Amino acid sequence: MSLRLEANGFQVETAASGQQALGRISAWKPHIMITDLRMQGMDGLALFDAVQQQMPSLPVIMLTAHGTIPDAVQATRKGLFSYLTKPFDSNELLQSINDALSQCCPDGPEKTGCKEDWRSHIISRSSAMEKLLNKAWRIAQSDVSVLIQSQSGTGKELLARALHKASPHHDAPFVPINCAAIPENLLESELFGHT
């Protein structure tokens, strides 16, 4: 697999086990991780859980010869990017890799730190916030409407700005509207006009 990926222009680093990969991931700083589900010692799901603690935004593709539908459902619910069964089609793997890279690095994988620019104004060390920002990034890549609800002062507008900055519409104007600050009888006129 390494030879095939390198032949397609990817820089590949390998590890002999999940423990070895986990120990070296912070030094490697990969843009994507591909792992097997069944491995001696730490299995693929345990590795994925541990990687999520260190790099919650890292896309992970899991390969397995022993895949079942419940395994795939459990893995994708946890946030796994892709789940491929062996023998896998090389083109399918390359497509999954390119899809993952286009989400995490829209300007190309060679641009280090590409994913961090859009959220540079949000300062956090919380793993829960990192998971939220990872989901926000993925949502921003699609063309859906987003409703952000939370208590006052929790950073709803910051998150909305980050979503806008990460979206394909980042060059368009961002117009924040604080609906709570507009009296109810004026809100409709403010948004849609009074005539």
N, C-alpha and C. Protein backbone atom coordinates (compact mmCIF):
# COMPACT_ATOMS: atom_id res chain seq x y z
N MET A 1 0.83 -1.19 0.00
CA MET A 1 0.00 0.00 0.00
C MET A 1 0.87 1.25 0.00
N SER A 2 1.97 1.23 0.79
CA SER A 2 2.88 2.39 0.82
C SER A 2 3.41 2.71 -0.57
N LEU A 3 3.86 1.67 -1.29
CA LEU A 3 4.40 1.88 -2.63
C LEU A 3 3.36 2.49 -3.56
N ARG A 4 2.13 1.98 -3.48
CA ARG A 4 1.08 2.49 -4.35
C ARG A 4 0.76 3.95 -4.03
N LEU A 5 0.69 4.29 -2.74
CA LEU A 5 0.40 5.67 -2.36
C LEU A 5 1.53 6.61 -2.74
N GLU A 6 2.77 6.15 -2.53
CA GLU A 6 3.92 6.97 -2.93
C GLU A 6 3.95 7.19 -4.43
N ALA A 7 3.56 6.15 -5.19
CA ALA A 7 3.50 6.29 -6.66
C ALA A 7 2.45 7.31 -7.08
N ASN A 8 1.46 7.55 -6.21
CA ASN A 8 0.43 8.55 -6.49
C ASN A 8 0.77 9.91 -5.89
N GLY A 9 2.00 10.08 -5.43
CA GLY A 9 2.46 11.40 -4.99
C GLY A 9 2.30 11.69 -3.50
N PHE A 10 1.93 10.69 -2.70
CA PHE A 10 1.76 10.92 -1.27
C PHE A 10 3.05 10.61 -0.53
N GLN A 11 3.32 11.36 0.52
CA GLN A 11 4.43 11.06 1.41
C GLN A 11 3.88 10.15 2.49
N VAL A 12 4.46 8.96 2.66
CA VAL A 12 3.90 7.94 3.53
C VAL A 12 4.86 7.62 4.67
N GLU A 13 4.35 7.56 5.88
CA GLU A 13 5.08 7.07 7.04
C GLU A 13 4.31 5.87 7.56
N THR A 14 5.02 4.81 7.97
CA THR A 14 4.34 3.61 8.44
C THR A 14 4.72 3.30 9.88
N ALA A 15 3.85 2.53 10.53
CA ALA A 15 4.10 2.06 11.90
C ALA A 15 3.72 0.59 11.95
N ALA A 16 4.47 -0.19 12.73
CA ALA A 16 4.25 -1.64 12.81
C ALA A 16 3.08 -2.01 13.72
N SER A 17 2.63 -1.06 14.56
CA SER A 17 1.55 -1.36 15.49
C SER A 17 0.81 -0.08 15.84
N GLY A 18 -0.35 -0.23 16.45
CA GLY A 18 -1.12 0.92 16.90
C GLY A 18 -0.36 1.73 17.94
N GLN A 19 0.31 1.03 18.87
CA GLN A 19 1.08 1.72 19.91
C GLN A 19 2.20 2.56 19.30
N GLN A 20 2.88 1.98 18.30
CA GLN A 20 3.98 2.71 17.65
C GLN A 20 3.44 3.94 16.92
N ALA A 21 2.32 3.78 16.24
CA ALA A 21 1.72 4.91 15.52
C ALA A 21 1.33 6.01 16.49
N LEU A 22 0.72 5.64 17.60
CA LEU A 22 0.28 6.61 18.60
C LEU A 22 1.46 7.35 19.20
N GLY A 23 2.57 6.64 19.42
CA GLY A 23 3.76 7.27 19.98
C GLY A 23 4.44 8.24 19.04
N ARG A 24 4.24 8.07 17.73
CA ARG A 24 4.95 8.89 16.76
C ARG A 24 4.07 9.91 16.03
N ILE A 25 2.78 9.88 16.29
CA ILE A 25 1.86 10.71 15.51
C ILE A 25 2.08 12.21 15.75
N SER A 26 2.44 12.59 16.98
CA SER A 26 2.63 14.02 17.25
C SER A 26 3.87 14.56 16.53
N ALA A 27 4.87 13.70 16.31
CA ALA A 27 6.07 14.13 15.58
C ALA A 27 5.80 14.13 14.07
N TRP A 28 5.01 13.18 13.58
CA TRP A 28 4.72 13.09 12.15
C TRP A 28 3.78 14.19 11.69
N LYS A 29 2.78 14.52 12.49
CA LYS A 29 1.74 15.49 12.13
C LYS A 29 1.12 15.15 10.76
N PRO A 30 0.53 13.95 10.63
CA PRO A 30 -0.03 13.55 9.33
C PRO A 30 -1.30 14.33 9.00
N HIS A 31 -1.64 14.36 7.70
CA HIS A 31 -2.89 14.97 7.26
C HIS A 31 -4.02 13.95 7.25
N ILE A 32 -3.66 12.66 7.26
CA ILE A 32 -4.65 11.58 7.24
C ILE A 32 -4.00 10.33 7.83
N MET A 33 -4.82 9.45 8.41
CA MET A 33 -4.32 8.19 8.94
C MET A 33 -5.14 7.04 8.35
N ILE A 34 -4.44 5.98 7.95
CA ILE A 34 -5.09 4.76 7.48
C ILE A 34 -4.67 3.65 8.43
N THR A 35 -5.64 2.92 8.96
CA THR A 35 -5.34 1.86 9.91
C THR A 35 -6.19 0.64 9.63
N ASP A 36 -5.74 -0.50 10.13
CA ASP A 36 -6.52 -1.73 10.05
C ASP A 36 -7.40 -1.80 11.29
N LEU A 37 -8.48 -2.54 11.22
CA LEU A 37 -9.35 -2.71 12.38
C LEU A 37 -8.77 -3.72 13.35
N ARG A 38 -8.40 -4.90 12.84
CA ARG A 38 -7.88 -5.97 13.70
C ARG A 38 -6.36 -5.95 13.67
N MET A 39 -5.76 -5.63 14.81
CA MET A 39 -4.30 -5.64 14.94
C MET A 39 -3.97 -6.23 16.30
N GLN A 40 -2.77 -6.78 16.43
CA GLN A 40 -2.34 -7.28 17.74
C GLN A 40 -2.13 -6.11 18.68
N GLY A 41 -2.43 -6.33 19.93
CA GLY A 41 -2.31 -5.25 20.92
C GLY A 41 -3.48 -4.30 20.78
N MET A 42 -3.20 -3.08 20.39
CA MET A 42 -4.24 -2.05 20.23
C MET A 42 -4.95 -2.24 18.89
N ASP A 43 -6.27 -2.43 18.91
CA ASP A 43 -6.99 -2.58 17.65
C ASP A 43 -7.27 -1.20 17.04
N GLY A 44 -7.84 -1.20 15.82
CA GLY A 44 -8.05 0.05 15.08
C GLY A 44 -8.97 1.03 15.77
N LEU A 45 -10.05 0.54 16.40
CA LEU A 45 -10.98 1.44 17.08
C LEU A 45 -10.34 2.07 18.32
N ALA A 46 -9.53 1.29 19.06
CA ALA A 46 -8.82 1.84 20.22
C ALA A 46 -7.80 2.88 19.77
N LEU A 47 -7.12 2.61 18.65
CA LEU A 47 -6.17 3.58 18.10
C LEU A 47 -6.90 4.85 17.68
N PHE A 48 -8.04 4.68 17.01
CA PHE A 48 -8.83 5.83 16.59
C PHE A 48 -9.25 6.69 17.78
N ASP A 49 -9.73 6.04 18.86
CA ASP A 49 -10.13 6.77 20.07
C ASP A 49 -8.95 7.55 20.65
N ALA A 50 -7.78 6.91 20.70
CA ALA A 50 -6.59 7.57 21.25
C ALA A 50 -6.13 8.72 20.36
N VAL A 51 -6.20 8.54 19.05
CA VAL A 51 -5.81 9.60 18.11
C VAL A 51 -6.74 10.78 18.24
N GLN A 52 -8.04 10.54 18.47
CA GLN A 52 -9.01 11.62 18.63
C GLN A 52 -8.67 12.51 19.82
N GLN A 53 -8.03 11.94 20.85
CA GLN A 53 -7.61 12.74 22.00
C GLN A 53 -6.46 13.68 21.63
N GLN A 54 -5.54 13.19 20.79
CA GLN A 54 -4.37 14.00 20.40
C GLN A 54 -4.68 14.95 19.24
N MET A 55 -5.35 14.43 18.22
CA MET A 55 -5.61 15.21 17.00
C MET A 55 -7.06 14.98 16.57
N PRO A 56 -8.01 15.65 17.22
CA PRO A 56 -9.42 15.37 16.94
C PRO A 56 -9.86 15.65 15.51
N SER A 57 -9.13 16.48 14.78
CA SER A 57 -9.54 16.81 13.41
C SER A 57 -8.88 15.92 12.35
N LEU A 58 -8.07 14.96 12.77
CA LEU A 58 -7.36 14.09 11.81
C LEU A 58 -8.33 13.08 11.20
N PRO A 59 -8.51 13.09 9.86
CA PRO A 59 -9.37 12.09 9.22
C PRO A 59 -8.72 10.71 9.31
N VAL A 60 -9.51 9.70 9.67
CA VAL A 60 -9.01 8.34 9.79
C VAL A 60 -9.83 7.43 8.87
N ILE A 61 -9.11 6.65 8.04
CA ILE A 61 -9.72 5.65 7.18
C ILE A 61 -9.36 4.29 7.75
N MET A 62 -10.37 3.44 7.94
CA MET A 62 -10.14 2.12 8.52
C MET A 62 -10.37 1.05 7.48
N LEU A 63 -9.43 0.09 7.42
CA LEU A 63 -9.52 -1.05 6.52
C LEU A 63 -9.74 -2.31 7.35
N THR A 64 -10.53 -3.23 6.85
CA THR A 64 -10.72 -4.48 7.58
C THR A 64 -11.18 -5.59 6.66
N ALA A 65 -10.75 -6.82 6.98
CA ALA A 65 -11.22 -8.00 6.28
C ALA A 65 -12.36 -8.64 7.05
N HIS A 66 -12.57 -8.18 8.27
CA HIS A 66 -13.57 -8.78 9.16
C HIS A 66 -14.71 -7.82 9.45
N GLY A 67 -14.98 -6.95 8.51
CA GLY A 67 -15.98 -5.90 8.76
C GLY A 67 -17.40 -6.42 8.81
N THR A 68 -18.15 -5.88 9.76
CA THR A 68 -19.57 -6.15 9.85
C THR A 68 -20.30 -4.82 9.82
N ILE A 69 -21.58 -4.86 9.54
CA ILE A 69 -22.36 -3.62 9.52
C ILE A 69 -22.35 -2.94 10.88
N PRO A 70 -22.53 -3.67 12.01
CA PRO A 70 -22.46 -2.98 13.32
C PRO A 70 -21.11 -2.31 13.57
N ASP A 71 -20.00 -2.97 13.13
CA ASP A 71 -18.67 -2.36 13.29
C ASP A 71 -18.59 -1.05 12.51
N ALA A 72 -19.09 -1.06 11.28
CA ALA A 72 -19.04 0.13 10.43
C ALA A 72 -19.89 1.25 11.02
N VAL A 73 -21.07 0.89 11.52
CA VAL A 73 -21.96 1.90 12.12
C VAL A 73 -21.31 2.50 13.37
N GLN A 74 -20.74 1.64 14.22
CA GLN A 74 -20.08 2.13 15.43
C GLN A 74 -18.92 3.06 15.08
N ALA A 75 -18.12 2.67 14.09
CA ALA A 75 -16.96 3.47 13.70
C ALA A 75 -17.38 4.82 13.14
N THR A 76 -18.39 4.85 12.28
CA THR A 76 -18.79 6.12 11.68
C THR A 76 -19.49 7.02 12.70
N ARG A 77 -20.19 6.43 13.66
CA ARG A 77 -20.80 7.25 14.72
C ARG A 77 -19.74 7.93 15.57
N LYS A 78 -18.59 7.28 15.72
CA LYS A 78 -17.50 7.86 16.50
C LYS A 78 -16.78 8.96 15.72
N GLY A 79 -17.04 9.07 14.42
CA GLY A 79 -16.41 10.13 13.63
C GLY A 79 -15.38 9.65 12.64
N LEU A 80 -15.28 8.33 12.43
CA LEU A 80 -14.36 7.79 11.45
C LEU A 80 -14.70 8.35 10.07
N PHE A 81 -13.69 8.74 9.31
CA PHE A 81 -13.96 9.34 8.00
C PHE A 81 -14.49 8.31 7.01
N SER A 82 -13.83 7.15 6.93
CA SER A 82 -14.22 6.14 5.94
C SER A 82 -13.89 4.76 6.47
N TYR A 83 -14.65 3.76 6.01
CA TYR A 83 -14.52 2.38 6.45
C TYR A 83 -14.56 1.50 5.22
N LEU A 84 -13.43 0.88 4.85
CA LEU A 84 -13.34 0.07 3.63
C LEU A 84 -13.06 -1.38 3.98
N THR A 85 -13.75 -2.30 3.30
CA THR A 85 -13.52 -3.73 3.55
C THR A 85 -12.51 -4.28 2.56
N LYS A 86 -11.70 -5.23 3.04
CA LYS A 86 -10.70 -5.89 2.20
C LYS A 86 -11.36 -7.06 1.48
N PRO A 87 -10.93 -7.41 0.30
CA PRO A 87 -9.95 -6.67 -0.50
C PRO A 87 -10.58 -5.37 -1.01
N PHE A 88 -9.87 -4.28 -0.80
CA PHE A 88 -10.41 -2.97 -1.20
C PHE A 88 -9.91 -2.62 -2.59
N ASP A 89 -10.70 -1.83 -3.26
CA ASP A 89 -10.35 -1.33 -4.59
C ASP A 89 -9.40 -0.15 -4.41
N SER A 90 -8.27 -0.17 -5.11
CA SER A 90 -7.27 0.89 -4.97
C SER A 90 -7.84 2.26 -5.31
N ASN A 91 -8.68 2.31 -6.34
CA ASN A 91 -9.28 3.58 -6.72
C ASN A 91 -10.22 4.11 -5.64
N GLU A 92 -10.92 3.18 -4.98
CA GLU A 92 -11.82 3.57 -3.89
C GLU A 92 -11.02 4.15 -2.72
N LEU A 93 -9.88 3.52 -2.41
CA LEU A 93 -9.02 4.03 -1.35
C LEU A 93 -8.48 5.41 -1.71
N LEU A 94 -8.00 5.56 -2.94
CA LEU A 94 -7.47 6.86 -3.37
C LEU A 94 -8.56 7.94 -3.34
N GLN A 95 -9.78 7.56 -3.72
CA GLN A 95 -10.89 8.52 -3.68
C GLN A 95 -11.18 8.94 -2.24
N SER A 96 -11.17 7.96 -1.30
CA SER A 96 -11.40 8.27 0.12
C SER A 96 -10.31 9.20 0.66
N ILE A 97 -9.07 8.93 0.27
CA ILE A 97 -7.95 9.76 0.71
C ILE A 97 -8.11 11.18 0.17
N ASN A 98 -8.41 11.30 -1.10
CA ASN A 98 -8.57 12.63 -1.71
C ASN A 98 -9.76 13.38 -1.11
N ASP A 99 -10.86 12.67 -0.82
CA ASP A 99 -12.01 13.30 -0.17
C ASP A 99 -11.64 13.82 1.21
N ALA A 100 -10.91 13.00 1.97
CA ALA A 100 -10.49 13.40 3.31
C ALA A 100 -9.56 14.61 3.25
N LEU A 101 -8.61 14.58 2.32
CA LEU A 101 -7.67 15.69 2.20
C LEU A 101 -8.35 16.97 1.73
N SER A 102 -9.36 16.84 0.87
CA SER A 102 -10.06 18.04 0.41
C SER A 102 -10.86 18.67 1.53
N GLN A 103 -11.29 17.86 2.50
CA GLN A 103 -12.03 18.42 3.65
C GLN A 103 -11.08 19.05 4.66
N CYS A 104 -9.98 18.36 4.94
CA CYS A 104 -9.09 18.92 5.97
C CYS A 104 -8.15 19.97 5.40
N CYS A 105 -7.83 19.89 4.13
CA CYS A 105 -6.87 20.81 3.52
C CYS A 105 -7.35 21.25 2.14
N PRO A 106 -8.31 22.17 2.06
CA PRO A 106 -8.85 22.54 0.76
C PRO A 106 -7.82 23.14 -0.18
N ASP A 107 -6.74 23.70 0.34
CA ASP A 107 -5.72 24.29 -0.53
C ASP A 107 -4.63 23.29 -0.88
N GLY A 108 -4.80 22.03 -0.46
CA GLY A 108 -3.81 20.99 -0.76
C GLY A 108 -3.11 20.53 0.49
N PRO A 109 -2.72 19.25 0.54
CA PRO A 109 -2.11 18.70 1.73
C PRO A 109 -0.74 19.28 2.04
N GLU A 110 -0.10 19.89 1.06
CA GLU A 110 1.23 20.44 1.31
C GLU A 110 1.19 21.69 2.18
N LYS A 111 0.03 22.28 2.32
CA LYS A 111 -0.08 23.50 3.13
C LYS A 111 -0.26 23.10 4.59
N THR A 112 0.79 23.18 5.37
CA THR A 112 0.70 22.78 6.76
C THR A 112 -0.12 23.79 7.56
N GLY A 113 -0.87 23.27 8.51
CA GLY A 113 -1.71 24.13 9.33
C GLY A 113 -2.90 24.67 8.60
N CYS A 114 -3.24 24.09 7.43
CA CYS A 114 -4.30 24.65 6.60
C CYS A 114 -5.63 24.68 7.30
N LYS A 115 -5.87 23.75 8.19
CA LYS A 115 -7.18 23.67 8.80
C LYS A 115 -7.34 24.64 9.95
N GLU A 116 -6.25 25.16 10.46
CA GLU A 116 -6.32 25.99 11.66
C GLU A 116 -6.66 27.45 11.37
N ASP A 117 -6.44 27.92 10.15
CA ASP A 117 -6.66 29.32 9.80
C ASP A 117 -8.09 29.79 10.05
N TRP A 118 -9.04 29.00 9.68
CA TRP A 118 -10.45 29.36 9.77
C TRP A 118 -10.92 29.55 11.20
N ARG A 119 -10.26 28.94 12.16
CA ARG A 119 -10.70 29.01 13.55
C ARG A 119 -9.66 29.70 14.45
N SER A 120 -8.80 30.50 13.82
CA SER A 120 -7.70 31.11 14.56
C SER A 120 -8.17 32.05 15.67
N HIS A 121 -9.39 32.61 15.55
CA HIS A 121 -9.89 33.52 16.58
C HIS A 121 -10.57 32.79 17.74
N ILE A 122 -10.65 31.45 17.68
CA ILE A 122 -11.22 30.66 18.77
C ILE A 122 -10.08 30.00 19.53
N ILE A 123 -9.94 30.35 20.80
CA ILE A 123 -8.86 29.81 21.63
C ILE A 123 -9.47 28.78 22.57
N SER A 124 -8.97 27.54 22.49
CA SER A 124 -9.53 26.48 23.31
C SER A 124 -8.52 25.36 23.50
N ARG A 125 -8.57 24.73 24.67
CA ARG A 125 -7.78 23.52 24.91
C ARG A 125 -8.71 22.36 25.28
N SER A 126 -9.99 22.59 25.21
CA SER A 126 -10.98 21.59 25.59
C SER A 126 -11.16 20.56 24.49
N SER A 127 -11.14 19.27 24.86
CA SER A 127 -11.35 18.22 23.85
C SER A 127 -12.78 18.26 23.33
N ALA A 128 -13.74 18.66 24.17
CA ALA A 128 -15.13 18.78 23.72
C ALA A 128 -15.25 19.88 22.67
N MET A 129 -14.54 20.99 22.88
CA MET A 129 -14.58 22.09 21.91
C MET A 129 -13.88 21.69 20.62
N GLU A 130 -12.79 20.92 20.73
CA GLU A 130 -12.09 20.46 19.53
C GLU A 130 -13.00 19.55 18.70
N LYS A 131 -13.77 18.69 19.37
CA LYS A 131 -14.71 17.83 18.65
C LYS A 131 -15.79 18.67 17.97
N LEU A 132 -16.28 19.70 18.68
CA LEU A 132 -17.29 20.59 18.09
C LEU A 132 -16.73 21.30 16.86
N LEU A 133 -15.50 21.79 16.96
CA LEU A 133 -14.88 22.49 15.83
C LEU A 133 -14.62 21.55 14.66
N ASN A 134 -14.28 20.30 14.95
CA ASN A 134 -14.10 19.31 13.90
C ASN A 134 -15.41 19.08 13.16
N LYS A 135 -16.51 18.97 13.90
CA LYS A 135 -17.83 18.82 13.27
C LYS A 135 -18.20 20.09 12.49
N ALA A 136 -17.89 21.23 13.06
CA ALA A 136 -18.20 22.50 12.38
C ALA A 136 -17.46 22.58 11.05
N TRP A 137 -16.20 22.16 11.01
CA TRP A 137 -15.43 22.17 9.76
C TRP A 137 -16.12 21.32 8.71
N ARG A 138 -16.52 20.10 9.10
CA ARG A 138 -17.16 19.20 8.15
C ARG A 138 -18.48 19.77 7.64
N ILE A 139 -19.24 20.38 8.55
CA ILE A 139 -20.52 20.98 8.16
C ILE A 139 -20.29 22.14 7.21
N ALA A 140 -19.25 22.92 7.46
CA ALA A 140 -18.97 24.10 6.63
C ALA A 140 -18.64 23.71 5.19
N GLN A 141 -18.17 22.49 4.97
CA GLN A 141 -17.82 22.06 3.62
C GLN A 141 -19.06 21.70 2.80
N SER A 142 -20.21 21.54 3.47
CA SER A 142 -21.45 21.22 2.75
C SER A 142 -22.28 22.48 2.59
N ASP A 143 -23.37 22.36 1.87
CA ASP A 143 -24.22 23.52 1.63
C ASP A 143 -25.52 23.35 2.41
N VAL A 144 -25.42 23.47 3.73
CA VAL A 144 -26.59 23.32 4.60
C VAL A 144 -26.75 24.57 5.47
N SER A 145 -27.97 24.77 5.94
CA SER A 145 -28.22 25.86 6.89
C SER A 145 -27.90 25.36 8.29
N VAL A 146 -27.38 26.23 9.13
CA VAL A 146 -26.97 25.85 10.48
C VAL A 146 -27.64 26.77 11.49
N LEU A 147 -28.22 26.18 12.53
CA LEU A 147 -28.79 26.94 13.64
C LEU A 147 -27.90 26.68 14.85
N ILE A 148 -27.36 27.74 15.44
CA ILE A 148 -26.51 27.62 16.62
C ILE A 148 -27.29 28.12 17.82
N GLN A 149 -27.51 27.27 18.80
CA GLN A 149 -28.24 27.65 20.00
C GLN A 149 -27.36 27.42 21.22
N SER A 150 -27.36 28.38 22.12
CA SER A 150 -26.59 28.25 23.35
C SER A 150 -26.93 29.42 24.25
N GLN A 151 -26.40 29.38 25.46
CA GLN A 151 -26.64 30.47 26.40
C GLN A 151 -25.87 31.71 25.97
N SER A 152 -26.28 32.82 26.52
CA SER A 152 -25.65 34.09 26.21
C SER A 152 -24.18 34.07 26.64
N GLY A 153 -23.32 34.58 25.78
CA GLY A 153 -21.90 34.71 26.12
C GLY A 153 -21.07 33.46 25.90
N THR A 154 -21.61 32.44 25.24
CA THR A 154 -20.86 31.20 25.05
C THR A 154 -20.07 31.16 23.74
N GLY A 155 -20.23 32.16 22.88
CA GLY A 155 -19.43 32.23 21.66
C GLY A 155 -20.15 31.78 20.41
N LYS A 156 -21.47 31.96 20.37
CA LYS A 156 -22.24 31.57 19.18
C LYS A 156 -21.78 32.34 17.94
N GLU A 157 -21.55 33.63 18.09
CA GLU A 157 -21.13 34.42 16.94
C GLU A 157 -19.71 34.04 16.49
N LEU A 158 -18.82 33.73 17.43
CA LEU A 158 -17.48 33.27 17.06
C LEU A 158 -17.56 31.99 16.24
N LEU A 159 -18.42 31.07 16.67
CA LEU A 159 -18.58 29.81 15.93
C LEU A 159 -19.20 30.07 14.56
N ALA A 160 -20.17 30.97 14.51
CA ALA A 160 -20.79 31.31 13.22
C ALA A 160 -19.76 31.92 12.27
N ARG A 161 -18.90 32.80 12.78
CA ARG A 161 -17.84 33.38 11.94
C ARG A 161 -16.87 32.31 11.45
N ALA A 162 -16.53 31.36 12.34
CA ALA A 162 -15.63 30.28 11.95
C ALA A 162 -16.25 29.41 10.87
N LEU A 163 -17.54 29.09 11.01
CA LEU A 163 -18.26 28.31 9.98
C LEU A 163 -18.22 29.04 8.64
N HIS A 164 -18.48 30.34 8.69
CA HIS A 164 -18.47 31.14 7.45
C HIS A 164 -17.08 31.14 6.82
N LYS A 165 -16.05 31.31 7.65
CA LYS A 165 -14.68 31.38 7.15
C LYS A 165 -14.23 30.04 6.56
N ALA A 166 -14.75 28.92 7.08
CA ALA A 166 -14.38 27.60 6.59
C ALA A 166 -15.20 27.16 5.39
N SER A 167 -16.27 27.88 5.10
CA SER A 167 -17.18 27.48 4.03
C SER A 167 -16.68 27.93 2.66
N PRO A 168 -17.24 27.35 1.59
CA PRO A 168 -16.89 27.82 0.24
C PRO A 168 -17.32 29.27 -0.01
N HIS A 169 -18.19 29.82 0.85
CA HIS A 169 -18.69 31.20 0.69
C HIS A 169 -17.89 32.21 1.51
N HIS A 170 -16.67 31.83 1.92
CA HIS A 170 -15.89 32.69 2.82
C HIS A 170 -15.56 34.06 2.22
N ASP A 171 -15.62 34.20 0.91
CA ASP A 171 -15.36 35.51 0.29
C ASP A 171 -16.57 36.43 0.32
N ALA A 172 -17.76 35.86 0.57
CA ALA A 172 -18.99 36.66 0.64
C ALA A 172 -19.06 37.35 2.01
N PRO A 173 -19.87 38.42 2.13
CA PRO A 173 -19.95 39.12 3.41
C PRO A 173 -20.60 38.25 4.50
N PHE A 174 -20.14 38.44 5.72
CA PHE A 174 -20.74 37.80 6.89
C PHE A 174 -21.50 38.89 7.65
N VAL A 175 -22.80 38.69 7.85
CA VAL A 175 -23.62 39.72 8.49
C VAL A 175 -24.23 39.13 9.77
N PRO A 176 -23.67 39.45 10.93
CA PRO A 176 -24.26 38.92 12.17
C PRO A 176 -25.49 39.73 12.58
N ILE A 177 -26.51 39.04 13.04
CA ILE A 177 -27.73 39.69 13.52
C ILE A 177 -28.06 39.10 14.88
N ASN A 178 -28.12 39.95 15.89
CA ASN A 178 -28.48 39.51 17.23
C ASN A 178 -29.99 39.68 17.38
N CYS A 179 -30.72 38.62 17.10
CA CYS A 179 -32.19 38.69 17.13
C CYS A 179 -32.73 39.01 18.52
N ALA A 180 -32.02 38.60 19.57
CA ALA A 180 -32.49 38.88 20.93
C ALA A 180 -32.43 40.36 21.26
N ALA A 181 -31.57 41.11 20.56
CA ALA A 181 -31.43 42.54 20.85
C ALA A 181 -32.48 43.39 20.11
N ILE A 182 -33.20 42.78 19.18
CA ILE A 182 -34.21 43.52 18.41
C ILE A 182 -35.58 43.22 19.02
N PRO A 183 -36.35 44.23 19.39
CA PRO A 183 -37.69 43.99 19.94
C PRO A 183 -38.54 43.16 18.97
N GLU A 184 -39.36 42.29 19.55
CA GLU A 184 -40.15 41.34 18.77
C GLU A 184 -40.98 42.02 17.68
N ASN A 185 -41.59 43.17 18.00
CA ASN A 185 -42.44 43.84 17.02
C ASN A 185 -41.64 44.50 15.89
N LEU A 186 -40.32 44.67 16.06
CA LEU A 186 -39.49 45.27 15.01
C LEU A 186 -38.67 44.24 14.22
N LEU A 187 -38.60 43.00 14.74
CA LEU A 187 -37.74 42.00 14.12
C LEU A 187 -38.12 41.73 12.66
N GLU A 188 -39.41 41.54 12.42
CA GLU A 188 -39.87 41.25 11.06
C GLU A 188 -39.54 42.41 10.11
N SER A 189 -39.75 43.63 10.56
CA SER A 189 -39.44 44.81 9.73
C SER A 189 -37.94 44.91 9.48
N GLU A 190 -37.15 44.62 10.51
CA GLU A 190 -35.69 44.71 10.40
C GLU A 190 -35.17 43.71 9.37
N LEU A 191 -35.71 42.49 9.39
CA LEU A 191 -35.21 41.44 8.50
C LEU A 191 -35.79 41.51 7.09
N PHE A 192 -37.08 41.85 7.01
CA PHE A 192 -37.77 41.74 5.71
C PHE A 192 -38.30 43.06 5.16
N GLY A 193 -38.14 44.13 5.91
CA GLY A 193 -38.65 45.43 5.47
C GLY A 193 -40.04 45.67 6.04
N HIS A 194 -40.47 46.93 6.08
CA HIS A 194 -41.73 47.26 6.75
C HIS A 194 -42.86 47.55 5.78
N THR A 195 -42.59 47.49 4.47
CA THR A 195 -43.70 47.76 3.53
C THR A 195 -44.09 46.48 2.81
